[in-house]
């Protein structure tokens, strides 16, 4: 009988965020990892978006703006009660979101 080989322990990814709180993350300062690690990819973006006011919603700011030129609204339906989406809906929402973000840049 062959002896079972012990599986090598998986390497644990450890990310250290060097971006000062509220500053824009410099994505060119580090090498891109081979795998997706949410902690590394998403680090610092939340603080920077909040500092820039991207989440603010002030009704006073919307008053007096031209409806077709200055206001922006995009309705994306929420997921169903179970939290899962049909692939078609997920793809549609992802494409709409991507195109909107691209054109708003």
PDB file of N, CA and C in Angstrom:
ATOM      1  N   UNK A   1       0.828  -1.188   0.000  1.00  0.00           N
ATOM      2  CA  UNK A   1       0.000   0.000   0.000  1.00  0.00           C
ATOM      3  C   UNK A   1       0.871   1.250   0.000  1.00  0.00           C
ATOM      4  N   UNK A   2       0.380   2.260  -0.711  1.00  0.00           N
ATOM      5  CA  UNK A   2       1.116   3.523  -0.752  1.00  0.00           C
ATOM      6  C   UNK A   2       0.732   4.377   0.448  1.00  0.00           C
ATOM      7  N   UNK A   3       1.737   5.025   0.990  1.00  0.00           N
ATOM      8  CA  UNK A   3       1.462   5.938   2.094  1.00  0.00           C
ATOM      9  C   UNK A   3       0.867   7.226   1.540  1.00  0.00           C
ATOM     10  N   UNK A   4      -0.104   7.708   2.245  1.00  0.00           N
ATOM     11  CA  UNK A   4      -0.724   8.971   1.827  1.00  0.00           C
ATOM     12  C   UNK A   4       0.245  10.109   2.118  1.00  0.00           C
ATOM     13  N   UNK A   5       0.398  10.954   1.116  1.00  0.00           N
ATOM     14  CA  UNK A   5       1.257  12.115   1.308  1.00  0.00           C
ATOM     15  C   UNK A   5       0.463  13.209   1.997  1.00  0.00           C
ATOM     16  N   UNK A   6       1.111  13.850   2.911  1.00  0.00           N
ATOM     17  CA  UNK A   6       0.439  14.951   3.599  1.00  0.00           C
ATOM     18  C   UNK A   6       0.330  16.129   2.651  1.00  0.00           C
ATOM     19  N   UNK A   7      -0.855  16.704   2.624  1.00  0.00           N
ATOM     20  CA  UNK A   7      -1.069  17.870   1.777  1.00  0.00           C
ATOM     21  C   UNK A   7      -0.315  19.058   2.354  1.00  0.00           C
ATOM     22  N   UNK A   8       0.300  19.793   1.472  1.00  0.00           N
ATOM     23  CA  UNK A   8       1.015  20.986   1.909  1.00  0.00           C
ATOM     24  C   UNK A   8      -0.001  22.032   2.342  1.00  0.00           C
ATOM     25  N   UNK A   9       0.252  22.715   3.440  1.00  0.00           N
ATOM     26  CA  UNK A   9      -0.698  23.764   3.853  1.00  0.00           C
ATOM     27  C   UNK A   9      -0.701  24.895   2.831  1.00  0.00           C
ATOM     28  N   UNK A  10      -1.909  25.393   2.578  1.00  0.00           N
ATOM     29  CA  UNK A  10      -2.033  26.486   1.616  1.00  0.00           C
ATOM     30  C   UNK A  10      -1.385  27.741   2.177  1.00  0.00           C
ATOM     31  N   UNK A  11      -0.756  28.465   1.271  1.00  0.00           N
ATOM     32  CA  UNK A  11      -0.135  29.717   1.661  1.00  0.00           C
ATOM     33  C   UNK A  11      -1.228  30.740   1.945  1.00  0.00           C
ATOM     34  N   UNK A  12      -1.180  31.353   3.088  1.00  0.00           N
ATOM     35  CA  UNK A  12      -2.182  32.339   3.467  1.00  0.00           C
ATOM     36  C   UNK A  12      -1.731  33.706   2.966  1.00  0.00           C
ATOM     37  N   UNK A  13      -2.616  34.352   2.217  1.00  0.00           N
ATOM     38  CA  UNK A  13      -2.305  35.673   1.675  1.00  0.00           C
ATOM     39  C   UNK A  13      -2.478  36.709   2.774  1.00  0.00           C
ATOM     40  N   UNK A  14      -1.484  37.532   2.948  1.00  0.00           N
ATOM     41  CA  UNK A  14      -1.561  38.592   3.942  1.00  0.00           C
ATOM     42  C   UNK A  14      -1.270  39.918   3.240  1.00  0.00           C
ATOM     43  N   UNK A  15      -2.220  40.845   3.344  1.00  0.00           N
ATOM     44  CA  UNK A  15      -2.078  42.146   2.704  1.00  0.00           C
ATOM     45  C   UNK A  15      -1.937  43.222   3.767  1.00  0.00           C
ATOM     46  N   UNK A  16      -0.999  44.115   3.553  1.00  0.00           N
ATOM     47  CA  UNK A  16      -0.811  45.257   4.443  1.00  0.00           C
ATOM     48  C   UNK A  16      -1.139  46.512   3.636  1.00  0.00           C
ATOM     49  N   UNK A  17      -2.163  47.225   4.064  1.00  0.00           N
ATOM     50  CA  UNK A  17      -2.589  48.434   3.367  1.00  0.00           C
ATOM     51  C   UNK A  17      -1.688  49.595   3.769  1.00  0.00           C
ATOM     52  N   UNK A  18      -0.934  50.124   2.809  1.00  0.00           N
ATOM     53  CA  UNK A  18      -0.003  51.220   3.081  1.00  0.00           C
ATOM     54  C   UNK A  18      -0.580  52.573   2.689  1.00  0.00           C
ATOM     55  N   UNK A  19      -1.822  52.574   2.195  1.00  0.00           N
ATOM     56  CA  UNK A  19      -2.451  53.816   1.769  1.00  0.00           C
ATOM     57  C   UNK A  19      -2.961  54.583   2.984  1.00  0.00           C
ATOM     58  N   UNK A  20      -2.589  55.856   3.131  1.00  0.00           N
ATOM     59  CA  UNK A  20      -3.111  56.646   4.254  1.00  0.00           C
ATOM     60  C   UNK A  20      -4.635  56.763   4.164  1.00  0.00           C
ATOM     61  N   UNK A  21      -5.318  56.743   5.306  1.00  0.00           N
ATOM     62  CA  UNK A  21      -6.779  56.788   5.352  1.00  0.00           C
ATOM     63  C   UNK A  21      -7.306  58.010   4.605  1.00  0.00           C
ATOM     64  N   UNK A  22      -8.241  57.768   3.685  1.00  0.00           N
ATOM     65  CA  UNK A  22      -8.862  58.840   2.923  1.00  0.00           C
ATOM     66  C   UNK A  22      -8.122  59.216   1.654  1.00  0.00           C
ATOM     67  N   UNK A  23      -6.979  58.637   1.415  1.00  0.00           N
ATOM     68  CA  UNK A  23      -6.209  58.941   0.210  1.00  0.00           C
ATOM     69  C   UNK A  23      -6.508  57.923  -0.886  1.00  0.00           C
ATOM     70  N   UNK A  24      -6.309  58.332  -2.124  1.00  0.00           N
ATOM     71  CA  UNK A  24      -6.545  57.447  -3.251  1.00  0.00           C
ATOM     72  C   UNK A  24      -5.452  56.378  -3.293  1.00  0.00           C
ATOM     73  N   UNK A  25      -5.879  55.155  -3.496  1.00  0.00           N
ATOM     74  CA  UNK A  25      -4.950  54.033  -3.527  1.00  0.00           C
ATOM     75  C   UNK A  25      -4.117  54.091  -4.801  1.00  0.00           C
ATOM     76  N   UNK A  26      -2.822  53.927  -4.652  1.00  0.00           N
ATOM     77  CA  UNK A  26      -1.916  53.914  -5.802  1.00  0.00           C
ATOM     78  C   UNK A  26      -1.777  52.469  -6.268  1.00  0.00           C
ATOM     79  N   UNK A  27      -2.529  52.106  -7.306  1.00  0.00           N
ATOM     80  CA  UNK A  27      -2.541  50.709  -7.757  1.00  0.00           C
ATOM     81  C   UNK A  27      -1.298  50.338  -8.549  1.00  0.00           C
ATOM     82  N   UNK A  28      -0.501  51.310  -8.913  1.00  0.00           N
ATOM     83  CA  UNK A  28       0.708  51.026  -9.682  1.00  0.00           C
ATOM     84  C   UNK A  28       1.932  50.838  -8.798  1.00  0.00           C
ATOM     85  N   UNK A  29       1.772  51.058  -7.501  1.00  0.00           N
ATOM     86  CA  UNK A  29       2.929  50.953  -6.608  1.00  0.00           C
ATOM     87  C   UNK A  29       3.240  49.514  -6.201  1.00  0.00           C
ATOM     88  N   UNK A  30       2.294  48.614  -6.390  1.00  0.00           N
ATOM     89  CA  UNK A  30       2.534  47.211  -6.039  1.00  0.00           C
ATOM     90  C   UNK A  30       2.242  46.326  -7.238  1.00  0.00           C
ATOM     91  N   UNK A  31       2.852  45.176  -7.220  1.00  0.00           N
ATOM     92  CA  UNK A  31       2.648  44.221  -8.310  1.00  0.00           C
ATOM     93  C   UNK A  31       1.299  43.525  -8.149  1.00  0.00           C
ATOM     94  N   UNK A  32       0.629  43.271  -9.263  1.00  0.00           N
ATOM     95  CA  UNK A  32      -0.672  42.619  -9.228  1.00  0.00           C
ATOM     96  C   UNK A  32      -0.513  41.142  -8.861  1.00  0.00           C
ATOM     97  N   UNK A  33      -1.351  40.695  -7.953  1.00  0.00           N
ATOM     98  CA  UNK A  33      -1.311  39.300  -7.524  1.00  0.00           C
ATOM     99  C   UNK A  33      -1.890  38.397  -8.608  1.00  0.00           C
ATOM    100  N   UNK A  34      -1.506  37.135  -8.588  1.00  0.00           N
ATOM    101  CA  UNK A  34      -1.997  36.171  -9.568  1.00  0.00           C
ATOM    102  C   UNK A  34      -3.449  35.802  -9.304  1.00  0.00           C
ATOM    103  N   UNK A  35      -3.878  35.867  -8.049  1.00  0.00           N
ATOM    104  CA  UNK A  35      -5.248  35.521  -7.680  1.00  0.00           C
ATOM    105  C   UNK A  35      -5.940  36.753  -7.107  1.00  0.00           C
ATOM    106  N   UNK A  36      -7.264  36.720  -7.111  1.00  0.00           N
ATOM    107  CA  UNK A  36      -8.054  37.823  -6.565  1.00  0.00           C
ATOM    108  C   UNK A  36      -8.116  37.714  -5.045  1.00  0.00           C
ATOM    109  N   UNK A  37      -7.720  38.768  -4.375  1.00  0.00           N
ATOM    110  CA  UNK A  37      -7.796  38.847  -2.923  1.00  0.00           C
ATOM    111  C   UNK A  37      -8.572  40.122  -2.584  1.00  0.00           C
ATOM    112  N   UNK A  38      -9.837  39.984  -2.192  1.00  0.00           N
ATOM    113  CA  UNK A  38     -10.659  41.166  -1.930  1.00  0.00           C
ATOM    114  C   UNK A  38     -10.033  42.154  -0.960  1.00  0.00           C
ATOM    115  N   UNK A  39      -9.367  41.665   0.057  1.00  0.00           N
ATOM    116  CA  UNK A  39      -8.783  42.583   1.037  1.00  0.00           C
ATOM    117  C   UNK A  39      -7.752  43.510   0.396  1.00  0.00           C
ATOM    118  N   UNK A  40      -7.029  43.013  -0.591  1.00  0.00           N
ATOM    119  CA  UNK A  40      -6.013  43.822  -1.262  1.00  0.00           C
ATOM    120  C   UNK A  40      -6.636  44.734  -2.314  1.00  0.00           C
ATOM    121  N   UNK A  41      -7.584  44.200  -3.042  1.00  0.00           N
ATOM    122  CA  UNK A  41      -8.187  44.977  -4.135  1.00  0.00           C
ATOM    123  C   UNK A  41      -9.039  46.117  -3.591  1.00  0.00           C
ATOM    124  N   UNK A  42      -9.845  45.840  -2.590  1.00  0.00           N
ATOM    125  CA  UNK A  42     -10.793  46.831  -2.083  1.00  0.00           C
ATOM    126  C   UNK A  42     -10.219  47.766  -1.026  1.00  0.00           C
ATOM    127  N   UNK A  43      -9.026  47.487  -0.550  1.00  0.00           N
ATOM    128  CA  UNK A  43      -8.431  48.297   0.511  1.00  0.00           C
ATOM    129  C   UNK A  43      -8.331  49.763   0.103  1.00  0.00           C
ATOM    130  N   UNK A  44      -8.722  50.616   0.973  1.00  0.00           N
ATOM    131  CA  UNK A  44      -8.599  52.075   0.854  1.00  0.00           C
ATOM    132  C   UNK A  44      -9.650  52.730  -0.034  1.00  0.00           C
ATOM    133  N   UNK A  45     -10.324  52.003  -0.890  1.00  0.00           N
ATOM    134  CA  UNK A  45     -11.289  52.651  -1.780  1.00  0.00           C
ATOM    135  C   UNK A  45     -12.465  53.231  -1.003  1.00  0.00           C
ATOM    136  N   UNK A  46     -13.012  52.528  -0.031  1.00  0.00           N
ATOM    137  CA  UNK A  46     -14.166  53.003   0.737  1.00  0.00           C
ATOM    138  C   UNK A  46     -13.858  54.354   1.386  1.00  0.00           C
ATOM    139  N   UNK A  47     -12.733  54.447   2.050  1.00  0.00           N
ATOM    140  CA  UNK A  47     -12.365  55.705   2.718  1.00  0.00           C
ATOM    141  C   UNK A  47     -12.198  56.846   1.718  1.00  0.00           C
ATOM    142  N   UNK A  48     -11.595  56.547   0.583  1.00  0.00           N
ATOM    143  CA  UNK A  48     -11.379  57.587  -0.417  1.00  0.00           C
ATOM    144  C   UNK A  48     -12.712  58.049  -1.006  1.00  0.00           C
ATOM    145  N   UNK A  49     -13.618  57.116  -1.313  1.00  0.00           N
ATOM    146  CA  UNK A  49     -14.928  57.488  -1.866  1.00  0.00           C
ATOM    147  C   UNK A  49     -15.706  58.352  -0.876  1.00  0.00           C
ATOM    148  N   UNK A  50     -15.646  57.986   0.408  1.00  0.00           N
ATOM    149  CA  UNK A  50     -16.348  58.777   1.412  1.00  0.00           C
ATOM    150  C   UNK A  50     -15.754  60.180   1.519  1.00  0.00           C
ATOM    151  N   UNK A  51     -14.427  60.284   1.499  1.00  0.00           N
ATOM    152  CA  UNK A  51     -13.762  61.583   1.586  1.00  0.00           C
ATOM    153  C   UNK A  51     -14.128  62.471   0.397  1.00  0.00           C
ATOM    154  N   UNK A  52     -14.247  61.868  -0.784  1.00  0.00           N
ATOM    155  CA  UNK A  52     -14.576  62.628  -1.993  1.00  0.00           C
ATOM    156  C   UNK A  52     -16.062  62.976  -2.072  1.00  0.00           C
ATOM    157  N   UNK A  53     -16.888  62.387  -1.193  1.00  0.00           N
ATOM    158  CA  UNK A  53     -18.314  62.698  -1.183  1.00  0.00           C
ATOM    159  C   UNK A  53     -19.131  61.933  -2.214  1.00  0.00           C
ATOM    160  N   UNK A  54     -18.617  60.818  -2.691  1.00  0.00           N
ATOM    161  CA  UNK A  54     -19.325  60.058  -3.717  1.00  0.00           C
ATOM    162  C   UNK A  54     -20.598  59.400  -3.212  1.00  0.00           C
ATOM    163  N   UNK A  55     -20.756  59.272  -1.896  1.00  0.00           N
ATOM    164  CA  UNK A  55     -21.957  58.661  -1.341  1.00  0.00           C
ATOM    165  C   UNK A  55     -22.969  59.689  -0.888  1.00  0.00           C
ATOM    166  N   UNK A  56     -22.627  60.946  -0.986  1.00  0.00           N
ATOM    167  CA  UNK A  56     -23.532  61.968  -0.471  1.00  0.00           C
ATOM    168  C   UNK A  56     -24.764  62.104  -1.359  1.00  0.00           C
ATOM    169  N   UNK A  57     -25.838  62.415  -0.716  1.00  0.00           N
ATOM    170  CA  UNK A  57     -27.091  62.615  -1.442  1.00  0.00           C
ATOM    171  C   UNK A  57     -27.774  63.817  -0.815  1.00  0.00           C
ATOM    172  N   UNK A  58     -27.556  64.947  -1.388  1.00  0.00           N
ATOM    173  CA  UNK A  58     -28.138  66.181  -0.876  1.00  0.00           C
ATOM    174  C   UNK A  58     -29.235  66.653  -1.818  1.00  0.00           C
ATOM    175  N   UNK A  59     -30.503  66.610  -1.389  1.00  0.00           N
ATOM    176  CA  UNK A  59     -31.598  67.056  -2.257  1.00  0.00           C
ATOM    177  C   UNK A  59     -31.423  68.486  -2.736  1.00  0.00           C
ATOM    178  N   UNK A  60     -30.797  69.320  -1.910  1.00  0.00           N
ATOM    179  CA  UNK A  60     -30.592  70.728  -2.298  1.00  0.00           C
ATOM    180  C   UNK A  60     -29.706  70.828  -3.541  1.00  0.00           C
ATOM    181  N   UNK A  61     -28.772  69.895  -3.673  1.00  0.00           N
ATOM    182  CA  UNK A  61     -27.886  69.898  -4.836  1.00  0.00           C
ATOM    183  C   UNK A  61     -28.639  69.597  -6.122  1.00  0.00           C
ATOM    184  N   UNK A  62     -29.731  68.837  -6.031  1.00  0.00           N
ATOM    185  CA  UNK A  62     -30.488  68.446  -7.221  1.00  0.00           C
ATOM    186  C   UNK A  62     -31.451  69.542  -7.679  1.00  0.00           C
ATOM    187  N   UNK A  63     -31.834  70.427  -6.768  1.00  0.00           N
ATOM    188  CA  UNK A  63     -32.778  71.481  -7.137  1.00  0.00           C
ATOM    189  C   UNK A  63     -32.150  72.431  -8.149  1.00  0.00           C
ATOM    190  N   UNK A  64     -32.904  72.757  -9.167  1.00  0.00           N
ATOM    191  CA  UNK A  64     -32.432  73.697 -10.171  1.00  0.00           C
ATOM    192  C   UNK A  64     -31.587  73.085 -11.269  1.00  0.00           C
ATOM    193  N   UNK A  65     -31.332  71.798 -11.210  1.00  0.00           N
ATOM    194  CA  UNK A  65     -30.546  71.167 -12.269  1.00  0.00           C
ATOM    195  C   UNK A  65     -31.464  70.713 -13.386  1.00  0.00           C
ATOM    196  N   UNK A  66     -30.943  70.720 -14.602  1.00  0.00           N
ATOM    197  CA  UNK A  66     -31.720  70.287 -15.758  1.00  0.00           C
ATOM    198  C   UNK A  66     -31.865  68.772 -15.718  1.00  0.00           C
ATOM    199  N   UNK A  67     -33.096  68.307 -15.848  1.00  0.00           N
ATOM    200  CA  UNK A  67     -33.384  66.876 -15.687  1.00  0.00           C
ATOM    201  C   UNK A  67     -32.608  65.993 -16.656  1.00  0.00           C
ATOM    202  N   UNK A  68     -32.496  66.396 -17.903  1.00  0.00           N
ATOM    203  CA  UNK A  68     -31.857  65.532 -18.893  1.00  0.00           C
ATOM    204  C   UNK A  68     -30.345  65.702 -18.962  1.00  0.00           C
ATOM    205  N   UNK A  69     -29.817  66.778 -18.436  1.00  0.00           N
ATOM    206  CA  UNK A  69     -28.393  67.040 -18.576  1.00  0.00           C
ATOM    207  C   UNK A  69     -27.587  66.821 -17.294  1.00  0.00           C
ATOM    208  N   UNK A  70     -28.131  67.247 -16.160  1.00  0.00           N
ATOM    209  CA  UNK A  70     -27.348  67.257 -14.934  1.00  0.00           C
ATOM    210  C   UNK A  70     -27.680  66.153 -13.938  1.00  0.00           C
ATOM    211  N   UNK A  71     -28.884  65.613 -14.019  1.00  0.00           N
ATOM    212  CA  UNK A  71     -29.283  64.596 -13.050  1.00  0.00           C
ATOM    213  C   UNK A  71     -28.970  63.210 -13.583  1.00  0.00           C
ATOM    214  N   UNK A  72     -28.691  62.325 -12.663  1.00  0.00           N
ATOM    215  CA  UNK A  72     -28.351  60.960 -13.047  1.00  0.00           C
ATOM    216  C   UNK A  72     -29.069  59.974 -12.144  1.00  0.00           C
ATOM    217  N   UNK A  73     -29.813  59.060 -12.759  1.00  0.00           N
ATOM    218  CA  UNK A  73     -30.513  58.017 -12.016  1.00  0.00           C
ATOM    219  C   UNK A  73     -30.422  56.729 -12.821  1.00  0.00           C
ATOM    220  N   UNK A  74     -30.062  55.659 -12.133  1.00  0.00           N
ATOM    221  CA  UNK A  74     -30.028  54.351 -12.782  1.00  0.00           C
ATOM    222  C   UNK A  74     -30.711  53.370 -11.849  1.00  0.00           C
ATOM    223  N   UNK A  75     -31.749  52.719 -12.314  1.00  0.00           N
ATOM    224  CA  UNK A  75     -32.495  51.788 -11.483  1.00  0.00           C
ATOM    225  C   UNK A  75     -32.046  50.374 -11.807  1.00  0.00           C
ATOM    226  N   UNK A  76     -31.548  49.692 -10.802  1.00  0.00           N
ATOM    227  CA  UNK A  76     -31.179  48.290 -10.950  1.00  0.00           C
ATOM    228  C   UNK A  76     -32.006  47.520  -9.931  1.00  0.00           C
ATOM    229  N   UNK A  77     -32.762  46.533 -10.389  1.00  0.00           N
ATOM    230  CA  UNK A  77     -33.618  45.811  -9.448  1.00  0.00           C
ATOM    231  C   UNK A  77     -32.797  45.048  -8.418  1.00  0.00           C
ATOM    232  N   UNK A  78     -33.321  44.955  -7.195  1.00  0.00           N
ATOM    233  CA  UNK A  78     -32.615  44.202  -6.152  1.00  0.00           C
ATOM    234  C   UNK A  78     -32.711  42.702  -6.411  1.00  0.00           C
ATOM    235  N   UNK A  79     -31.857  41.921  -5.780  1.00  0.00           N
ATOM    236  CA  UNK A  79     -31.962  40.473  -5.939  1.00  0.00           C
ATOM    237  C   UNK A  79     -33.261  39.967  -5.322  1.00  0.00           C
ATOM    238  N   UNK A  80     -33.662  38.769  -5.679  1.00  0.00           N
ATOM    239  CA  UNK A  80     -34.903  38.242  -5.121  1.00  0.00           C
ATOM    240  C   UNK A  80     -34.718  37.891  -3.649  1.00  0.00           C
ATOM    241  N   UNK A  81     -35.768  37.388  -3.036  1.00  0.00           N
ATOM    242  CA  UNK A  81     -35.782  37.151  -1.598  1.00  0.00           C
ATOM    243  C   UNK A  81     -34.671  36.210  -1.148  1.00  0.00           C
ATOM    244  N   UNK A  82     -34.319  35.237  -1.965  1.00  0.00           N
ATOM    245  CA  UNK A  82     -33.296  34.283  -1.562  1.00  0.00           C
ATOM    246  C   UNK A  82     -31.900  34.857  -1.701  1.00  0.00           C
ATOM    247  N   UNK A  83     -31.762  35.990  -2.368  1.00  0.00           N
ATOM    248  CA  UNK A  83     -30.464  36.619  -2.524  1.00  0.00           C
ATOM    249  C   UNK A  83     -29.714  36.166  -3.759  1.00  0.00           C
ATOM    250  N   UNK A  84     -30.277  35.266  -4.506  1.00  0.00           N
ATOM    251  CA  UNK A  84     -29.584  34.824  -5.714  1.00  0.00           C
ATOM    252  C   UNK A  84     -30.282  35.411  -6.939  1.00  0.00           C
ATOM    253  N   UNK A  85     -29.510  35.658  -7.944  1.00  0.00           N
ATOM    254  CA  UNK A  85     -30.035  36.233  -9.172  1.00  0.00           C
ATOM    255  C   UNK A  85     -29.945  35.233 -10.307  1.00  0.00           C
ATOM    256  N   UNK A  86     -30.842  35.369 -11.234  1.00  0.00           N
ATOM    257  CA  UNK A  86     -30.747  34.604 -12.468  1.00  0.00           C
ATOM    258  C   UNK A  86     -29.544  35.174 -13.223  1.00  0.00           C
ATOM    259  N   UNK A  87     -28.797  34.340 -13.897  1.00  0.00           N
ATOM    260  CA  UNK A  87     -27.584  34.789 -14.577  1.00  0.00           C
ATOM    261  C   UNK A  87     -27.865  35.933 -15.540  1.00  0.00           C
ATOM    262  N   UNK A  88     -28.987  35.887 -16.227  1.00  0.00           N
ATOM    263  CA  UNK A  88     -29.334  36.952 -17.162  1.00  0.00           C
ATOM    264  C   UNK A  88     -29.473  38.293 -16.481  1.00  0.00           C
ATOM    265  N   UNK A  89     -30.128  38.303 -15.318  1.00  0.00           N
ATOM    266  CA  UNK A  89     -30.290  39.551 -14.578  1.00  0.00           C
ATOM    267  C   UNK A  89     -28.942  40.060 -14.064  1.00  0.00           C
ATOM    268  N   UNK A  90     -28.130  39.150 -13.578  1.00  0.00           N
ATOM    269  CA  UNK A  90     -26.819  39.547 -13.063  1.00  0.00           C
ATOM    270  C   UNK A  90     -25.958  40.126 -14.178  1.00  0.00           C
ATOM    271  N   UNK A  91     -25.986  39.492 -15.317  1.00  0.00           N
ATOM    272  CA  UNK A  91     -25.189  39.967 -16.432  1.00  0.00           C
ATOM    273  C   UNK A  91     -25.681  41.324 -16.912  1.00  0.00           C
ATOM    274  N   UNK A  92     -26.994  41.473 -17.022  1.00  0.00           N
ATOM    275  CA  UNK A  92     -27.560  42.745 -17.471  1.00  0.00           C
ATOM    276  C   UNK A  92     -27.175  43.872 -16.516  1.00  0.00           C
ATOM    277  N   UNK A  93     -27.341  43.639 -15.231  1.00  0.00           N
ATOM    278  CA  UNK A  93     -27.014  44.665 -14.240  1.00  0.00           C
ATOM    279  C   UNK A  93     -25.524  44.994 -14.272  1.00  0.00           C
ATOM    280  N   UNK A  94     -24.686  43.988 -14.437  1.00  0.00           N
ATOM    281  CA  UNK A  94     -23.243  44.222 -14.474  1.00  0.00           C
ATOM    282  C   UNK A  94     -22.852  45.043 -15.701  1.00  0.00           C
ATOM    283  N   UNK A  95     -23.443  44.733 -16.844  1.00  0.00           N
ATOM    284  CA  UNK A  95     -23.142  45.477 -18.074  1.00  0.00           C
ATOM    285  C   UNK A  95     -23.632  46.920 -17.951  1.00  0.00           C
ATOM    286  N   UNK A  96     -24.862  47.102 -17.458  1.00  0.00           N
ATOM    287  CA  UNK A  96     -25.394  48.455 -17.275  1.00  0.00           C
ATOM    288  C   UNK A  96     -24.499  49.269 -16.342  1.00  0.00           C
ATOM    289  N   UNK A  97     -24.115  48.671 -15.235  1.00  0.00           N
ATOM    290  CA  UNK A  97     -23.281  49.357 -14.259  1.00  0.00           C
ATOM    291  C   UNK A  97     -21.923  49.716 -14.851  1.00  0.00           C
ATOM    292  N   UNK A  98     -21.323  48.795 -15.558  1.00  0.00           N
ATOM    293  CA  UNK A  98     -20.007  49.041 -16.164  1.00  0.00           C
ATOM    294  C   UNK A  98     -20.069  50.144 -17.202  1.00  0.00           C
ATOM    295  N   UNK A  99     -21.052  50.098 -18.065  1.00  0.00           N
ATOM    296  CA  UNK A  99     -21.169  51.119 -19.111  1.00  0.00           C
ATOM    297  C   UNK A  99     -21.442  52.486 -18.506  1.00  0.00           C
ATOM    298  N   UNK A 100     -22.285  52.527 -17.483  1.00  0.00           N
ATOM    299  CA  UNK A 100     -22.596  53.799 -16.832  1.00  0.00           C
ATOM    300  C   UNK A 100     -21.362  54.398 -16.186  1.00  0.00           C
ATOM    301  N   UNK A 101     -20.631  53.570 -15.446  1.00  0.00           N
ATOM    302  CA  UNK A 101     -19.421  54.068 -14.798  1.00  0.00           C
ATOM    303  C   UNK A 101     -18.404  54.550 -15.833  1.00  0.00           C
ATOM    304  N   UNK A 102     -18.275  53.829 -16.936  1.00  0.00           N
ATOM    305  CA  UNK A 102     -17.336  54.216 -17.986  1.00  0.00           C
ATOM    306  C   UNK A 102     -17.708  55.592 -18.559  1.00  0.00           C
ATOM    307  N   UNK A 103     -18.981  55.789 -18.852  1.00  0.00           N
ATOM    308  CA  UNK A 103     -19.406  57.044 -19.465  1.00  0.00           C
ATOM    309  C   UNK A 103     -19.407  58.227 -18.490  1.00  0.00           C
ATOM    310  N   UNK A 104     -19.475  57.930 -17.196  1.00  0.00           N
ATOM    311  CA  UNK A 104     -19.444  59.011 -16.206  1.00  0.00           C
ATOM    312  C   UNK A 104     -18.029  59.464 -15.885  1.00  0.00           C
ATOM    313  N   UNK A 105     -17.025  58.684 -16.285  1.00  0.00           N
ATOM    314  CA  UNK A 105     -15.632  59.047 -15.976  1.00  0.00           C
ATOM    315  C   UNK A 105     -15.232  60.303 -16.711  1.00  0.00           C
TER     316      UNK A 105
END
